[in-house]
Each structure stands twice: as structure tokens, then as C-alpha cells.
Amino acid sequence: TVRGKQDGRILKTILEYAEQRGLSTGVITDMSIGDATPAACYGHANDRAKQNELFLQIFKPRFGDGPDVVIGAGRKNVMGSNPQAVEQAARQAGRAIYARLADAPVSDTRPIVVQDGNVDVRAASLRAISLLSKNKQGYFLMVEWDSHTDNPRRGLDSLVALDKLIREIASRPDMKDTLLLFTADHSFDLRSVGGKQGEPLLKGLDEWQKSHTSKEEIRIPALRVGHSHTGEEVVAAAQGPGAERVRGFMPNTRLFQIMLQAWGWKQDAK
């Protein structure tokens, strides 16, 4: 691949493996639905910035009938300069694109929701599981919740909310035979440097922000927070069938193999 200029060999995604075998599939994010993590499940492009091009691939899938549940933000990004063309592609595929989750009727079992503003990840996840789990063949669902901590209050609040959602979903009786895999796409420059038991983690943040610019590294008693991704390893954790394979240090591509093995599938010959 030459970024932005030339495609390389197209690889089959884990969602495409599931679609090919008749499973139901979905992607959920509070980021743009055409951004790297969700789009890497359903689309292929030589540049991650081609969000409109990636989003359109939902309506012309290479395998199966494409992702069944699609919920995210970034409406302007994925609709591109010709929203009418996207709407037409959706209609030709027998799909509708809703502006809010509340607008998607219960009768639509394959909703596509692309919002301008914030996405209620919990509500979207629970609705997706309710729809996808009706398929006796099984399902694949990717859920992303942005937790960039350059704004530490917003980022940590998102992490707490995500942790609560994980606990809620993982404790459901119908999840006993489901592999739940949790990880991150990258680490971020947030370090714990002190603080005291019983004191708020963000003690001193408001005072710091009043006297410093947003471009400066945040330095408060318990934390140092930069403004960029880092190259540190991230946690991968799991429960359910195949969870025992998630251990030690591994390349992120190993997670793909773990999901295939949980289904009992073999990777296509290269």
C-alpha cells in the first residue's frame, strides 16, 4: 500500500469472516463511524482519512450483507461532499440512515445511526446486543468508547462509564458462552505520580487550567498529563470461550487469531 495513492493486498477483517459465515455483526463508537477503529472492521482504504469512501462500503459489502447494526458519530465526515449520493446508496441497499438512535424504529432490525453529536454508547450497545443475539449462528460486535485523556476529566469519566458498561454486559447470563475481549487501540500520555488515599485524583485540575494554556503538560499532585498518544503496551483482557489465550505480551494481530479460534475457524490460506 502507498498511503493515499495505491492499494495493497486486501485482507479479510474479522467482521467479514463473521458475515461470510452467516453471523450478525455490528460496530458502535462515540467517535466518527468512519474513523480508524470502526471502519477497519467493515471497510478497506489506502488512507484512514477517506471516511466517506469507507462508509459507502457498508452498502456494498464483500461478504454477506454487511454490518447489521452501525451506530456512531461523525455524520459530516462520512456523508462527504455529496450526502445525497450516500443516502441513495443506502436506499438501494434497502437501508436507512438515522440521525439519532431514538429515530431508529424498533421494527428496523438493521439500523444505521450516524449522529452529529454525542452517542449514548450504553444505550447503543444494549440495543445492538438485543438485535444481534437473535441470530442462532452467533454475532460479532465491536464497541469503542473514546477515552483520550488530554482532557483528563472527560477521559477518565469515559473510562469509568466504560468500566461500568463492561461489568453490566459481562454479568449477563447470556454472556457465559460469549468471548468478551477488552483492549485499547493505543496508550496515552497520562502518568500517576503521587496523590493521597481519599483525595480526588483530579485535585488541583481546575486551578491548573485557569493559569496555564491547553497546550502545556498538565501537572497536578496526582497526575502528569501530556497531549499525545504513546507507544506503551496496552492491556488486553478477556472472559468466556478462548479467554485463556489472552495472556502475556503479544502483538495486537494475535487478537484476530484468538477471535477466530474462539469460533473454531481457520484463517484463509494466504
C-alpha atoms as a PDB file:
ATOM      1  CA  THR A   1       0.000   0.000   0.000  1.00  0.00           C
ATOM      2  CA  VAL A   2       1.092   3.552  -0.727  1.00  0.00           C
ATOM      3  CA  ARG A   3      -0.868   5.797   1.593  1.00  0.00           C
ATOM      4  CA  GLY A   4      -3.423   7.829  -0.282  1.00  0.00           C
ATOM      5  CA  LYS A   5      -2.254   6.610  -3.677  1.00  0.00           C
ATOM      6  CA  GLN A   6      -2.265   2.839  -4.112  1.00  0.00           C
ATOM      7  CA  ASP A   7      -3.990  -0.154  -2.557  1.00  0.00           C
ATOM      8  CA  GLY A   8      -2.076  -3.190  -1.400  1.00  0.00           C
ATOM      9  CA  ARG A   9      -3.373  -6.703  -0.784  1.00  0.00           C
ATOM     10  CA  ILE A  10      -6.853  -6.541   0.733  1.00  0.00           C
ATOM     11  CA  LEU A  11      -7.117  -8.519   3.962  1.00  0.00           C
ATOM     12  CA  LYS A  12     -10.366 -10.016   5.248  1.00  0.00           C
ATOM     13  CA  THR A  13     -11.463  -8.439   8.508  1.00  0.00           C
ATOM     14  CA  ILE A  14     -12.865 -10.338  11.484  1.00  0.00           C
ATOM     15  CA  LEU A  15     -16.279  -8.801  10.728  1.00  0.00           C
ATOM     16  CA  GLU A  16     -16.067 -10.070   7.153  1.00  0.00           C
ATOM     17  CA  TYR A  17     -15.244 -13.593   8.378  1.00  0.00           C
ATOM     18  CA  ALA A  18     -18.380 -13.421  10.531  1.00  0.00           C
ATOM     19  CA  GLU A  19     -20.519 -12.078   7.686  1.00  0.00           C
ATOM     20  CA  GLN A  20     -19.300 -14.801   5.333  1.00  0.00           C
ATOM     21  CA  ARG A  21     -20.437 -17.446   7.809  1.00  0.00           C
ATOM     22  CA  GLY A  22     -23.909 -16.017   8.377  1.00  0.00           C
ATOM     23  CA  LEU A  23     -23.358 -14.349  11.745  1.00  0.00           C
ATOM     24  CA  SER A  24     -24.860 -10.987  12.618  1.00  0.00           C
ATOM     25  CA  THR A  25     -22.408  -8.125  13.008  1.00  0.00           C
ATOM     26  CA  GLY A  26     -22.232  -4.608  14.381  1.00  0.00           C
ATOM     27  CA  VAL A  27     -19.978  -1.654  15.092  1.00  0.00           C
ATOM     28  CA  ILE A  28     -20.563   1.050  17.707  1.00  0.00           C
ATOM     29  CA  THR A  29     -18.474   4.093  18.561  1.00  0.00           C
ATOM     30  CA  ASP A  30     -18.803   7.556  20.038  1.00  0.00           C
ATOM     31  CA  MET A  31     -16.187   8.659  17.503  1.00  0.00           C
ATOM     32  CA  SER A  32     -16.868   9.068  13.795  1.00  0.00           C
ATOM     33  CA  ILE A  33     -18.263   5.822  12.388  1.00  0.00           C
ATOM     34  CA  GLY A  34     -15.761   6.215   9.541  1.00  0.00           C
ATOM     35  CA  ASP A  35     -12.784   6.580  11.893  1.00  0.00           C
ATOM     36  CA  ALA A  36      -9.972   4.037  12.089  1.00  0.00           C
ATOM     37  CA  THR A  37     -11.299   1.549  14.656  1.00  0.00           C
ATOM     38  CA  PRO A  38     -14.886   1.061  13.402  1.00  0.00           C
ATOM     39  CA  ALA A  39     -14.023   1.417   9.702  1.00  0.00           C
ATOM     40  CA  ALA A  40     -11.255  -1.173   9.985  1.00  0.00           C
ATOM     41  CA  CYS A  41     -13.991  -3.706  10.750  1.00  0.00           C
ATOM     42  CA  TYR A  42     -16.083  -3.172   7.614  1.00  0.00           C
ATOM     43  CA  GLY A  43     -14.006  -1.287   5.047  1.00  0.00           C
ATOM     44  CA  HIS A  44     -10.734  -1.021   3.157  1.00  0.00           C
ATOM     45  CA  ALA A  45      -8.871   2.098   2.006  1.00  0.00           C
ATOM     46  CA  ASN A  46      -5.299   3.196   1.446  1.00  0.00           C
ATOM     47  CA  ASP A  47      -5.796   6.181   3.766  1.00  0.00           C
ATOM     48  CA  ARG A  48      -7.780   6.279   7.010  1.00  0.00           C
ATOM     49  CA  ALA A  49      -8.875   9.834   6.151  1.00  0.00           C
ATOM     50  CA  LYS A  50     -11.130   8.518   3.355  1.00  0.00           C
ATOM     51  CA  GLN A  51     -14.092   8.220   5.691  1.00  0.00           C
ATOM     52  CA  ASN A  52     -16.747   8.765   3.037  1.00  0.00           C
ATOM     53  CA  GLU A  53     -15.209   6.059   0.833  1.00  0.00           C
ATOM     54  CA  LEU A  54     -15.033   3.659   3.772  1.00  0.00           C
ATOM     55  CA  PHE A  55     -18.600   4.324   4.937  1.00  0.00           C
ATOM     56  CA  LEU A  56     -20.011   3.646   1.474  1.00  0.00           C
ATOM     57  CA  GLN A  57     -18.590   0.117   1.628  1.00  0.00           C
ATOM     58  CA  ILE A  58     -21.238  -0.721   4.222  1.00  0.00           C
ATOM     59  CA  PHE A  59     -23.749  -0.758   1.347  1.00  0.00           C
ATOM     60  CA  LYS A  60     -21.601  -2.872  -0.998  1.00  0.00           C
ATOM     61  CA  PRO A  61     -20.031  -5.460   1.309  1.00  0.00           C
ATOM     62  CA  ARG A  62     -17.534  -8.015   0.055  1.00  0.00           C
ATOM     63  CA  PHE A  63     -19.102 -10.748   2.229  1.00  0.00           C
ATOM     64  CA  GLY A  64     -22.613 -11.350   3.465  1.00  0.00           C
ATOM     65  CA  ASP A  65     -24.969  -8.405   3.647  1.00  0.00           C
ATOM     66  CA  GLY A  66     -22.625  -6.100   5.573  1.00  0.00           C
ATOM     67  CA  PRO A  67     -22.772  -4.941   9.190  1.00  0.00           C
ATOM     68  CA  ASP A  68     -26.261  -5.205  10.614  1.00  0.00           C
ATOM     69  CA  VAL A  69     -26.026  -2.577  13.357  1.00  0.00           C
ATOM     70  CA  VAL A  70     -23.990   0.579  12.755  1.00  0.00           C
ATOM     71  CA  ILE A  71     -24.084   3.360  15.361  1.00  0.00           C
ATOM     72  CA  GLY A  72     -21.657   6.237  15.685  1.00  0.00           C
ATOM     73  CA  ALA A  73     -20.917   9.923  15.295  1.00  0.00           C
ATOM     74  CA  GLY A  74     -19.228  11.889  12.511  1.00  0.00           C
ATOM     75  CA  ARG A  75     -22.169  12.486  10.205  1.00  0.00           C
ATOM     76  CA  LYS A  76     -20.379  15.252   8.301  1.00  0.00           C
ATOM     77  CA  ASN A  77     -17.247  13.128   7.904  1.00  0.00           C
ATOM     78  CA  VAL A  78     -18.940  10.088   6.383  1.00  0.00           C
ATOM     79  CA  MET A  79     -21.598  11.847   4.321  1.00  0.00           C
ATOM     80  CA  GLY A  80     -18.874  13.750   2.492  1.00  0.00           C
ATOM     81  CA  SER A  81     -19.448  16.473  -0.073  1.00  0.00           C
ATOM     82  CA  ASN A  82     -22.433  14.666  -1.614  1.00  0.00           C
ATOM     83  CA  PRO A  83     -24.773  13.449   1.154  1.00  0.00           C
ATOM     84  CA  GLN A  84     -27.468  12.676  -1.415  1.00  0.00           C
ATOM     85  CA  ALA A  85     -25.232  10.049  -3.024  1.00  0.00           C
ATOM     86  CA  VAL A  86     -24.753   8.346   0.336  1.00  0.00           C
ATOM     87  CA  GLU A  87     -28.484   8.389   1.050  1.00  0.00           C
ATOM     88  CA  GLN A  88     -29.134   6.926  -2.400  1.00  0.00           C
ATOM     89  CA  ALA A  89     -26.583   4.149  -1.844  1.00  0.00           C
ATOM     90  CA  ALA A  90     -28.329   3.325   1.425  1.00  0.00           C
ATOM     91  CA  ARG A  91     -31.771   3.213  -0.189  1.00  0.00           C
ATOM     92  CA  GLN A  92     -30.507   0.967  -2.986  1.00  0.00           C
ATOM     93  CA  ALA A  93     -29.211  -1.406  -0.323  1.00  0.00           C
ATOM     94  CA  GLY A  94     -32.554  -1.294   1.484  1.00  0.00           C
ATOM     95  CA  ARG A  95     -31.095   0.577   4.452  1.00  0.00           C
ATOM     96  CA  ALA A  96     -31.946   3.833   6.193  1.00  0.00           C
ATOM     97  CA  ILE A  97     -29.537   6.264   7.863  1.00  0.00           C
ATOM     98  CA  TYR A  98     -30.952   7.814  11.045  1.00  0.00           C
ATOM     99  CA  ALA A  99     -29.661  10.994  12.658  1.00  0.00           C
ATOM    100  CA  ARG A 100     -30.340   9.770  16.222  1.00  0.00           C
ATOM    101  CA  LEU A 101     -30.708   6.401  17.901  1.00  0.00           C
ATOM    102  CA  ALA A 102     -34.153   7.455  19.105  1.00  0.00           C
ATOM    103  CA  ASP A 103     -35.209   7.933  15.462  1.00  0.00           C
ATOM    104  CA  ALA A 104     -34.498   4.281  14.582  1.00  0.00           C
ATOM    105  CA  PRO A 105     -37.782   2.372  14.961  1.00  0.00           C
ATOM    106  CA  VAL A 106     -37.859  -0.921  16.839  1.00  0.00           C
ATOM    107  CA  SER A 107     -39.062  -2.530  13.616  1.00  0.00           C
ATOM    108  CA  ASP A 108     -35.708  -1.793  11.942  1.00  0.00           C
ATOM    109  CA  THR A 109     -33.580  -4.773  12.890  1.00  0.00           C
ATOM    110  CA  ARG A 110     -30.567  -3.452  10.939  1.00  0.00           C
ATOM    111  CA  PRO A 111     -30.357   0.212  11.976  1.00  0.00           C
ATOM    112  CA  ILE A 112     -27.660   2.607  10.794  1.00  0.00           C
ATOM    113  CA  VAL A 113     -27.387   5.650  13.052  1.00  0.00           C
ATOM    114  CA  VAL A 114     -24.898   8.430  12.316  1.00  0.00           C
ATOM    115  CA  GLN A 115     -25.139  11.380  14.670  1.00  0.00           C
ATOM    116  CA  ASP A 116     -23.737  14.878  14.707  1.00  0.00           C
ATOM    117  CA  GLY A 117     -23.260  14.936  18.465  1.00  0.00           C
ATOM    118  CA  ASN A 118     -22.604  12.608  21.381  1.00  0.00           C
ATOM    119  CA  VAL A 119     -23.508   8.940  21.161  1.00  0.00           C
ATOM    120  CA  ASP A 120     -25.048   7.122  24.128  1.00  0.00           C
ATOM    121  CA  VAL A 121     -22.703   4.121  23.966  1.00  0.00           C
ATOM    122  CA  ARG A 122     -24.520   2.185  26.673  1.00  0.00           C
ATOM    123  CA  ALA A 123     -27.923   2.511  25.014  1.00  0.00           C
ATOM    124  CA  ALA A 124     -26.421   1.703  21.620  1.00  0.00           C
ATOM    125  CA  SER A 125     -24.591  -1.355  22.955  1.00  0.00           C
ATOM    126  CA  LEU A 126     -27.607  -2.809  24.723  1.00  0.00           C
ATOM    127  CA  ARG A 127     -29.798  -2.298  21.669  1.00  0.00           C
ATOM    128  CA  ALA A 128     -27.186  -3.889  19.421  1.00  0.00           C
ATOM    129  CA  ILE A 129     -26.815  -6.946  21.644  1.00  0.00           C
ATOM    130  CA  SER A 130     -30.593  -7.328  21.774  1.00  0.00           C
ATOM    131  CA  LEU A 131     -30.778  -7.336  17.974  1.00  0.00           C
ATOM    132  CA  LEU A 132     -27.644  -9.308  17.113  1.00  0.00           C
ATOM    133  CA  SER A 133     -28.112 -12.047  19.713  1.00  0.00           C
ATOM    134  CA  LYS A 134     -31.301 -13.219  17.981  1.00  0.00           C
ATOM    135  CA  ASN A 135     -29.130 -14.891  15.343  1.00  0.00           C
ATOM    136  CA  LYS A 136     -28.652 -18.516  16.439  1.00  0.00           C
ATOM    137  CA  GLN A 137     -25.413 -18.644  14.429  1.00  0.00           C
ATOM    138  CA  GLY A 138     -23.910 -16.012  16.729  1.00  0.00           C
ATOM    139  CA  TYR A 139     -22.660 -12.475  16.289  1.00  0.00           C
ATOM    140  CA  PHE A 140     -19.685 -10.134  16.297  1.00  0.00           C
ATOM    141  CA  LEU A 141     -19.897  -6.691  17.894  1.00  0.00           C
ATOM    142  CA  MET A 142     -17.177  -4.054  18.227  1.00  0.00           C
ATOM    143  CA  VAL A 143     -17.790  -1.279  20.763  1.00  0.00           C
ATOM    144  CA  GLU A 144     -15.455   1.729  21.036  1.00  0.00           C
ATOM    145  CA  TRP A 145     -15.650   4.417  23.712  1.00  0.00           C
ATOM    146  CA  ASP A 146     -13.210   7.286  23.257  1.00  0.00           C
ATOM    147  CA  SER A 147     -11.097   7.904  26.365  1.00  0.00           C
ATOM    148  CA  HIS A 148      -8.355  10.269  25.209  1.00  0.00           C
ATOM    149  CA  THR A 149      -7.119  11.900  28.419  1.00  0.00           C
ATOM    150  CA  ASP A 150      -5.686  15.166  27.085  1.00  0.00           C
ATOM    151  CA  ASN A 151      -8.873  16.369  28.786  1.00  0.00           C
ATOM    152  CA  PRO A 152      -8.400  14.210  31.902  1.00  0.00           C
ATOM    153  CA  ARG A 153     -11.811  14.821  33.445  1.00  0.00           C
ATOM    154  CA  ARG A 154     -13.668  13.843  30.282  1.00  0.00           C
ATOM    155  CA  GLY A 155     -11.298  10.982  29.516  1.00  0.00           C
ATOM    156  CA  LEU A 156     -11.408   9.455  32.990  1.00  0.00           C
ATOM    157  CA  ASP A 157     -15.184   9.893  33.181  1.00  0.00           C
ATOM    158  CA  SER A 158     -15.406   7.925  29.924  1.00  0.00           C
ATOM    159  CA  LEU A 159     -13.190   5.185  31.355  1.00  0.00           C
ATOM    160  CA  VAL A 160     -15.373   4.888  34.445  1.00  0.00           C
ATOM    161  CA  ALA A 161     -18.507   4.744  32.309  1.00  0.00           C
ATOM    162  CA  LEU A 162     -16.930   2.137  30.031  1.00  0.00           C
ATOM    163  CA  ASP A 163     -15.913   0.054  33.048  1.00  0.00           C
ATOM    164  CA  LYS A 164     -19.499   0.120  34.309  1.00  0.00           C
ATOM    165  CA  LEU A 165     -20.770  -0.935  30.881  1.00  0.00           C
ATOM    166  CA  ILE A 166     -18.279  -3.808  30.730  1.00  0.00           C
ATOM    167  CA  ARG A 167     -19.390  -5.001  34.171  1.00  0.00           C
ATOM    168  CA  GLU A 168     -23.050  -4.754  33.169  1.00  0.00           C
ATOM    169  CA  ILE A 169     -22.619  -6.704  29.949  1.00  0.00           C
ATOM    170  CA  ALA A 170     -20.160  -9.252  31.361  1.00  0.00           C
ATOM    171  CA  SER A 171     -22.549 -10.158  34.196  1.00  0.00           C
ATOM    172  CA  ARG A 172     -25.434 -11.032  31.880  1.00  0.00           C
ATOM    173  CA  PRO A 173     -26.392 -14.715  31.904  1.00  0.00           C
ATOM    174  CA  ASP A 174     -26.414 -14.825  28.094  1.00  0.00           C
ATOM    175  CA  MET A 175     -22.717 -13.901  28.031  1.00  0.00           C
ATOM    176  CA  LYS A 176     -21.482 -17.197  29.512  1.00  0.00           C
ATOM    177  CA  ASP A 177     -20.832 -18.651  26.052  1.00  0.00           C
ATOM    178  CA  THR A 178     -19.578 -15.395  24.534  1.00  0.00           C
ATOM    179  CA  LEU A 179     -15.954 -14.307  24.281  1.00  0.00           C
ATOM    180  CA  LEU A 180     -15.691 -10.761  25.607  1.00  0.00           C
ATOM    181  CA  LEU A 181     -12.406  -9.138  24.653  1.00  0.00           C
ATOM    182  CA  PHE A 182     -11.331  -5.772  26.045  1.00  0.00           C
ATOM    183  CA  THR A 183      -8.372  -3.718  24.833  1.00  0.00           C
ATOM    184  CA  ALA A 184      -7.301  -0.275  23.606  1.00  0.00           C
ATOM    185  CA  ASP A 185      -6.101   0.977  20.246  1.00  0.00           C
ATOM    186  CA  HIS A 186      -3.200   2.851  21.869  1.00  0.00           C
ATOM    187  CA  SER A 187      -1.924   4.274  25.141  1.00  0.00           C
ATOM    188  CA  PHE A 188      -1.942   7.947  26.106  1.00  0.00           C
ATOM    189  CA  ASP A 189       0.476  10.183  27.988  1.00  0.00           C
ATOM    190  CA  LEU A 190      -1.104  10.067  31.447  1.00  0.00           C
ATOM    191  CA  ARG A 191       1.046   9.141  34.446  1.00  0.00           C
ATOM    192  CA  SER A 192       0.208   8.683  38.104  1.00  0.00           C
ATOM    193  CA  VAL A 193       2.902  10.483  40.110  1.00  0.00           C
ATOM    194  CA  GLY A 194       1.509  10.873  43.603  1.00  0.00           C
ATOM    195  CA  GLY A 195      -1.661  11.842  45.367  1.00  0.00           C
ATOM    196  CA  LYS A 196      -3.044  10.591  48.653  1.00  0.00           C
ATOM    197  CA  GLN A 197      -5.594   7.981  49.573  1.00  0.00           C
ATOM    198  CA  GLY A 198      -9.015   9.567  49.901  1.00  0.00           C
ATOM    199  CA  GLU A 199      -8.119  12.627  47.848  1.00  0.00           C
ATOM    200  CA  PRO A 200      -9.685  13.216  44.412  1.00  0.00           C
ATOM    201  CA  LEU A 201      -7.450  12.078  41.575  1.00  0.00           C
ATOM    202  CA  LEU A 202      -8.030  15.376  39.777  1.00  0.00           C
ATOM    203  CA  LYS A 203      -7.375  17.599  42.788  1.00  0.00           C
ATOM    204  CA  GLY A 204      -5.913  20.874  41.570  1.00  0.00           C
ATOM    205  CA  LEU A 205      -7.012  20.480  37.940  1.00  0.00           C
ATOM    206  CA  ASP A 206      -9.376  23.461  37.877  1.00  0.00           C
ATOM    207  CA  GLU A 207      -6.741  25.760  39.372  1.00  0.00           C
ATOM    208  CA  TRP A 208      -4.119  24.493  36.906  1.00  0.00           C
ATOM    209  CA  GLN A 209      -6.345  25.098  33.890  1.00  0.00           C
ATOM    210  CA  LYS A 210      -7.079  28.676  34.978  1.00  0.00           C
ATOM    211  CA  SER A 211      -3.408  29.643  34.951  1.00  0.00           C
ATOM    212  CA  HIS A 212      -1.982  27.562  32.075  1.00  0.00           C
ATOM    213  CA  THR A 213      -2.636  27.086  28.360  1.00  0.00           C
ATOM    214  CA  SER A 214      -4.260  23.977  26.922  1.00  0.00           C
ATOM    215  CA  LYS A 215      -1.015  23.113  25.126  1.00  0.00           C
ATOM    216  CA  GLU A 216       1.023  22.727  28.315  1.00  0.00           C
ATOM    217  CA  GLU A 217       1.536  19.410  30.090  1.00  0.00           C
ATOM    218  CA  ILE A 218      -0.911  19.204  32.990  1.00  0.00           C
ATOM    219  CA  ARG A 219       0.920  18.934  36.310  1.00  0.00           C
ATOM    220  CA  ILE A 220      -1.264  18.364  39.373  1.00  0.00           C
ATOM    221  CA  PRO A 221      -0.399  16.496  42.600  1.00  0.00           C
ATOM    222  CA  ALA A 222      -1.565  13.044  41.421  1.00  0.00           C
ATOM    223  CA  LEU A 223      -1.098  13.219  37.657  1.00  0.00           C
ATOM    224  CA  ARG A 224       1.028  14.375  34.760  1.00  0.00           C
ATOM    225  CA  VAL A 225      -0.914  14.510  31.515  1.00  0.00           C
ATOM    226  CA  GLY A 226       0.523  15.173  28.060  1.00  0.00           C
ATOM    227  CA  HIS A 227      -1.270  15.686  24.788  1.00  0.00           C
ATOM    228  CA  SER A 228      -0.321  12.735  22.626  1.00  0.00           C
ATOM    229  CA  HIS A 229      -0.534   9.005  22.108  1.00  0.00           C
ATOM    230  CA  THR A 230       2.383   6.935  23.399  1.00  0.00           C
ATOM    231  CA  GLY A 231       3.978   3.685  22.337  1.00  0.00           C
ATOM    232  CA  GLU A 232       3.453   1.841  25.612  1.00  0.00           C
ATOM    233  CA  GLU A 233       1.785  -1.569  25.681  1.00  0.00           C
ATOM    234  CA  VAL A 234      -1.937  -1.621  26.409  1.00  0.00           C
ATOM    235  CA  VAL A 235      -3.948  -4.126  28.405  1.00  0.00           C
ATOM    236  CA  ALA A 236      -5.859  -6.930  26.710  1.00  0.00           C
ATOM    237  CA  ALA A 237      -8.267  -8.841  28.958  1.00  0.00           C
ATOM    238  CA  ALA A 238     -10.979 -11.364  28.254  1.00  0.00           C
ATOM    239  CA  GLN A 239     -13.618 -13.689  29.630  1.00  0.00           C
ATOM    240  CA  GLY A 240     -15.530 -16.520  28.057  1.00  0.00           C
ATOM    241  CA  PRO A 241     -14.519 -19.165  25.490  1.00  0.00           C
ATOM    242  CA  GLY A 242     -10.904 -18.665  24.474  1.00  0.00           C
ATOM    243  CA  ALA A 243     -10.130 -16.144  27.219  1.00  0.00           C
ATOM    244  CA  GLU A 244      -7.263 -18.331  28.437  1.00  0.00           C
ATOM    245  CA  ARG A 245      -5.359 -17.484  25.257  1.00  0.00           C
ATOM    246  CA  VAL A 246      -5.188 -13.814  26.257  1.00  0.00           C
ATOM    247  CA  ARG A 247      -2.064 -13.711  28.397  1.00  0.00           C
ATOM    248  CA  GLY A 248       1.425 -12.282  28.489  1.00  0.00           C
ATOM    249  CA  PHE A 249       2.833  -9.958  25.862  1.00  0.00           C
ATOM    250  CA  MET A 250       1.570 -10.364  22.322  1.00  0.00           C
ATOM    251  CA  PRO A 251       1.315  -8.428  19.054  1.00  0.00           C
ATOM    252  CA  ASN A 252      -2.102  -6.862  18.567  1.00  0.00           C
ATOM    253  CA  THR A 253      -2.679  -9.054  15.490  1.00  0.00           C
ATOM    254  CA  ARG A 254      -2.806 -12.050  17.852  1.00  0.00           C
ATOM    255  CA  LEU A 255      -6.231 -10.872  18.997  1.00  0.00           C
ATOM    256  CA  PHE A 256      -7.533 -11.605  15.497  1.00  0.00           C
ATOM    257  CA  GLN A 257      -6.336 -15.214  15.790  1.00  0.00           C
ATOM    258  CA  ILE A 258      -7.857 -15.548  19.265  1.00  0.00           C
ATOM    259  CA  MET A 259     -11.269 -14.489  17.953  1.00  0.00           C
ATOM    260  CA  LEU A 260     -11.055 -16.905  15.017  1.00  0.00           C
ATOM    261  CA  GLN A 261     -10.075 -19.747  17.355  1.00  0.00           C
ATOM    262  CA  ALA A 262     -12.961 -18.965  19.712  1.00  0.00           C
ATOM    263  CA  TRP A 263     -15.327 -19.584  16.796  1.00  0.00           C
ATOM    264  CA  GLY A 264     -13.385 -22.664  15.705  1.00  0.00           C
ATOM    265  CA  TRP A 265     -12.486 -21.124  12.362  1.00  0.00           C
ATOM    266  CA  LYS A 266      -9.240 -21.268  10.409  1.00  0.00           C
ATOM    267  CA  GLN A 267      -7.736 -18.289   8.667  1.00  0.00           C
ATOM    268  CA  ASP A 268      -7.982 -18.343   4.896  1.00  0.00           C
ATOM    269  CA  ALA A 269      -4.869 -19.529   3.071  1.00  0.00           C
ATOM    270  CA  LYS A 270      -2.646 -16.608   2.138  1.00  0.00           C
END
